[in-house]
Amino acid sequence: MGEAEAYAVYDIFINHRGPDTKKNVANLVYRRLIMYGLRVFLDKDEFQPGDPLYDKIKSAIRSSSIHVAILSVTYAQSPCCLNELWDMLDMLESGCKVKIIPIFYDVKPAHLSHIDEKLRSIEGKLAVGTENPKFEPYVEAFRNHQQTRRHDAELDRWMDALNKVSKISGIEFNKEKE
C-alpha cells in the first residue's frame, strides 16, 4: 500500500504546541474549519494506537495545501513543532502550491526573528556578568536546545524557519486582550 493509500488527504494541517494551544486556539480553529466542510489535520483526533506518528504527520503536511502554524510561548521548546514548520516551509520554497498562515499566540513576530543574533548578544552579556538578562521565550528555548547538545545544523535550520515565518503576514492573538 502506497503512502497516498495509507494516509488521508487533508485540506489544512494545524501545527501547534499542544500544552499551550490544543484545548483552546488550536481546537477553536479546528472546529471552525470542520464546520466549513474542510478536511483538517489536528493531531488530537488523528492517531490510533500503533500509528507511525512521524510518517502520518509528514504525510498530512505533504497532502495539505494550507498550513496553519500556531506559534505560542512554548512552541520553540518542541523539536517536533520546529521540524514540522521546517517541512512546511520546505514545501513552500520547493514550489508546491501551499500557503502558510501563522497565528502568533501570545508572541510577536519579532520574537521569532534573528534568534541567532539574540543568543550571541545574551551570551556576551552573561560573559561580562550582566545580572539576569531577560530572555524572550524563543531565545530561552534555543539556549536550552544548545545545552542539550542539539546539532548546530538542526538549530540553524529551525532558526531559519522561524525567521522566515516571522515575515509572513499572519494573525496576532493575545489571550490577555480577548
Protein backbone atom coordinates (compact mmCIF):
# COMPACT_ATOMS: atom_id res chain seq x y z
CA MET A 1 0.00 0.00 0.00
CA GLY A 2 1.46 3.38 -1.03
CA GLU A 3 1.63 6.49 1.11
CA ALA A 4 -1.39 8.02 -0.64
CA GLU A 5 -3.44 4.94 0.20
CA ALA A 6 -2.15 4.63 3.75
CA TYR A 7 -2.95 8.15 4.92
CA ALA A 8 -5.81 10.55 4.44
CA VAL A 9 -5.57 13.67 2.36
CA TYR A 10 -6.20 16.94 4.17
CA ASP A 11 -7.00 20.47 3.11
CA ILE A 12 -5.39 22.04 6.17
CA PHE A 13 -2.64 20.99 8.58
CA ILE A 14 -2.58 22.65 12.01
CA ASN A 15 0.92 22.85 13.51
CA HIS A 16 0.87 23.74 17.21
CA ARG A 17 2.39 23.09 20.63
CA GLY A 18 -0.16 21.00 22.50
CA PRO A 19 0.25 22.22 26.09
CA ASP A 20 -0.20 25.87 25.04
CA THR A 21 -2.89 25.60 22.42
CA LYS A 22 -4.55 22.21 21.95
CA LYS A 23 -7.51 22.90 24.26
CA ASN A 24 -8.07 26.49 23.18
CA VAL A 25 -6.95 28.20 19.98
CA ALA A 26 -5.96 25.04 18.04
CA ASN A 27 -9.24 23.35 18.90
CA LEU A 28 -11.20 26.52 18.07
CA VAL A 29 -9.53 26.84 14.65
CA TYR A 30 -10.02 23.11 14.02
CA ARG A 31 -13.74 23.13 14.90
CA ARG A 32 -14.42 26.25 12.84
CA LEU A 33 -12.70 24.82 9.76
CA ILE A 34 -14.51 21.47 10.14
CA MET A 35 -17.81 23.41 10.23
CA TYR A 36 -16.98 24.68 6.73
CA GLY A 37 -16.54 21.12 5.49
CA LEU A 38 -12.76 21.21 5.27
CA ARG A 39 -10.58 18.18 5.99
CA VAL A 40 -8.32 19.33 8.82
CA PHE A 41 -5.42 17.52 10.47
CA LEU A 42 -5.07 18.20 14.19
CA ASP A 43 -3.07 15.56 15.99
CA LYS A 44 -5.56 15.13 18.82
CA ASP A 45 -8.04 13.18 16.67
CA GLU A 46 -5.88 11.60 14.00
CA PHE A 47 -3.84 8.88 15.73
CA GLN A 48 -4.69 5.32 16.62
CA PRO A 49 -2.56 3.09 18.86
CA GLY A 50 0.37 1.76 16.86
CA ASP A 51 0.30 4.51 14.22
CA PRO A 52 3.73 5.64 12.97
CA LEU A 53 3.44 9.23 14.25
CA TYR A 54 6.18 10.90 12.24
CA ASP A 55 5.13 9.25 8.97
CA LYS A 56 1.49 10.19 9.49
CA ILE A 57 2.33 13.80 10.36
CA LYS A 58 4.71 14.18 7.41
CA SER A 59 2.08 12.71 5.08
CA ALA A 60 -0.55 15.11 6.45
CA ILE A 61 1.78 18.06 5.87
CA ARG A 62 2.53 16.92 2.32
CA SER A 63 -1.14 16.35 1.47
CA SER A 64 -2.34 19.73 2.80
CA SER A 65 -2.39 22.87 0.69
CA ILE A 66 -2.82 25.17 3.69
CA HIS A 67 -0.67 25.04 6.81
CA VAL A 68 -1.69 26.91 9.94
CA ALA A 69 1.25 27.39 12.33
CA ILE A 70 0.11 28.40 15.81
CA LEU A 71 3.25 29.92 17.31
CA SER A 72 2.89 30.09 21.08
CA VAL A 73 5.16 30.85 24.04
CA THR A 74 6.50 27.28 24.39
CA TYR A 75 6.32 26.36 20.68
CA ALA A 76 10.09 26.57 20.15
CA GLN A 77 10.70 24.12 23.02
CA SER A 78 9.35 21.33 20.82
CA PRO A 79 11.69 19.76 18.25
CA CYS A 80 8.60 18.17 16.67
CA CYS A 81 6.91 21.55 16.12
CA LEU A 82 10.10 23.02 14.68
CA ASN A 83 10.62 20.06 12.33
CA GLU A 84 7.02 20.31 11.13
CA LEU A 85 7.49 24.03 10.48
CA TRP A 86 10.66 23.29 8.52
CA ASP A 87 8.79 20.68 6.43
CA MET A 88 6.01 23.20 5.70
CA LEU A 89 8.48 25.88 4.60
CA ASP A 90 10.41 23.33 2.55
CA MET A 91 7.25 22.62 0.58
CA LEU A 92 6.60 26.33 0.06
CA GLU A 93 10.16 27.00 -1.10
CA SER A 94 10.27 23.97 -3.40
CA GLY A 95 7.45 25.44 -5.48
CA CYS A 96 4.50 23.48 -4.10
CA LYS A 97 1.25 25.42 -4.20
CA VAL A 98 0.86 25.76 -0.45
CA LYS A 99 0.08 28.60 1.88
CA ILE A 100 1.35 29.08 5.43
CA ILE A 101 -0.80 31.10 7.81
CA PRO A 102 0.96 31.93 11.07
CA ILE A 103 -1.05 32.64 14.19
CA PHE A 104 1.11 34.43 16.74
CA TYR A 105 -0.47 33.34 20.03
CA ASP A 106 0.90 35.42 22.91
CA VAL A 107 4.12 36.02 20.96
CA LYS A 108 5.07 38.66 18.45
CA PRO A 109 6.64 38.00 15.05
CA ALA A 110 9.77 39.79 16.32
CA HIS A 111 10.23 37.03 18.93
CA LEU A 112 10.80 34.58 16.07
CA SER A 113 13.33 36.59 14.10
CA HIS A 114 17.11 36.81 14.42
CA ILE A 115 17.30 34.32 17.30
CA ASP A 116 20.96 33.61 16.50
CA GLU A 117 21.86 37.29 16.96
CA LYS A 118 19.86 37.48 20.19
CA LEU A 119 21.65 34.37 21.50
CA ARG A 120 25.07 35.91 20.78
CA SER A 121 24.03 39.14 22.49
CA ILE A 122 22.86 37.28 25.58
CA GLU A 123 25.99 35.14 25.71
CA GLY A 124 28.02 38.35 25.60
CA LYS A 125 26.02 39.84 28.46
CA LEU A 126 26.40 36.67 30.51
CA ALA A 127 30.15 36.62 29.85
CA VAL A 128 30.60 40.14 31.26
CA GLY A 129 28.44 39.35 34.28
CA THR A 130 25.27 41.25 33.46
CA GLU A 131 22.78 40.20 36.11
CA ASN A 132 19.87 38.05 35.00
CA PRO A 133 19.30 39.23 31.44
CA LYS A 134 15.66 38.82 30.40
CA PHE A 135 15.21 36.14 27.77
CA GLU A 136 12.50 36.13 25.15
CA PRO A 137 10.72 32.75 25.14
CA TYR A 138 12.20 31.63 21.81
CA VAL A 139 15.73 32.64 22.81
CA GLU A 140 15.35 30.71 26.06
CA ALA A 141 14.14 27.65 24.16
CA PHE A 142 17.16 27.76 21.86
CA ARG A 143 19.54 28.21 24.79
CA ASN A 144 18.04 25.00 26.18
CA HIS A 145 18.38 23.24 22.81
CA GLN A 146 22.06 24.26 22.71
CA GLN A 147 22.61 22.92 26.22
CA THR A 148 21.07 19.56 25.32
CA ARG A 149 23.68 19.27 22.58
CA ARG A 150 21.41 19.51 19.58
CA HIS A 151 23.32 19.69 16.31
CA ASP A 152 24.22 23.16 15.09
CA ALA A 153 22.84 22.44 11.61
CA GLU A 154 19.50 21.45 13.12
CA LEU A 155 19.38 24.60 15.28
CA ASP A 156 20.30 26.76 12.28
CA ARG A 157 17.56 25.13 10.22
CA TRP A 158 14.97 25.78 12.95
CA MET A 159 16.07 29.39 13.46
CA ASP A 160 15.91 29.93 9.70
CA ALA A 161 12.37 28.52 9.60
CA LEU A 162 11.22 30.76 12.46
CA ASN A 163 12.86 33.80 10.89
CA LYS A 164 11.09 33.10 7.59
CA VAL A 165 7.67 32.52 9.15
CA SER A 166 8.05 35.76 11.16
CA LYS A 167 7.99 37.59 7.81
CA ILE A 168 4.73 36.01 6.64
CA SER A 169 1.62 38.05 7.25
CA GLY A 170 -0.37 36.33 9.95
CA ILE A 171 -2.77 36.80 12.82
CA GLU A 172 -1.63 38.13 16.19
CA PHE A 173 -3.69 36.86 19.08
CA ASN A 174 -3.10 37.88 22.67
CA LYS A 175 -5.22 35.98 25.16
CA GLU A 176 -4.83 38.83 27.67
CA LYS A 177 -6.79 41.10 25.29
CA GLU A 178 -9.59 38.64 24.43
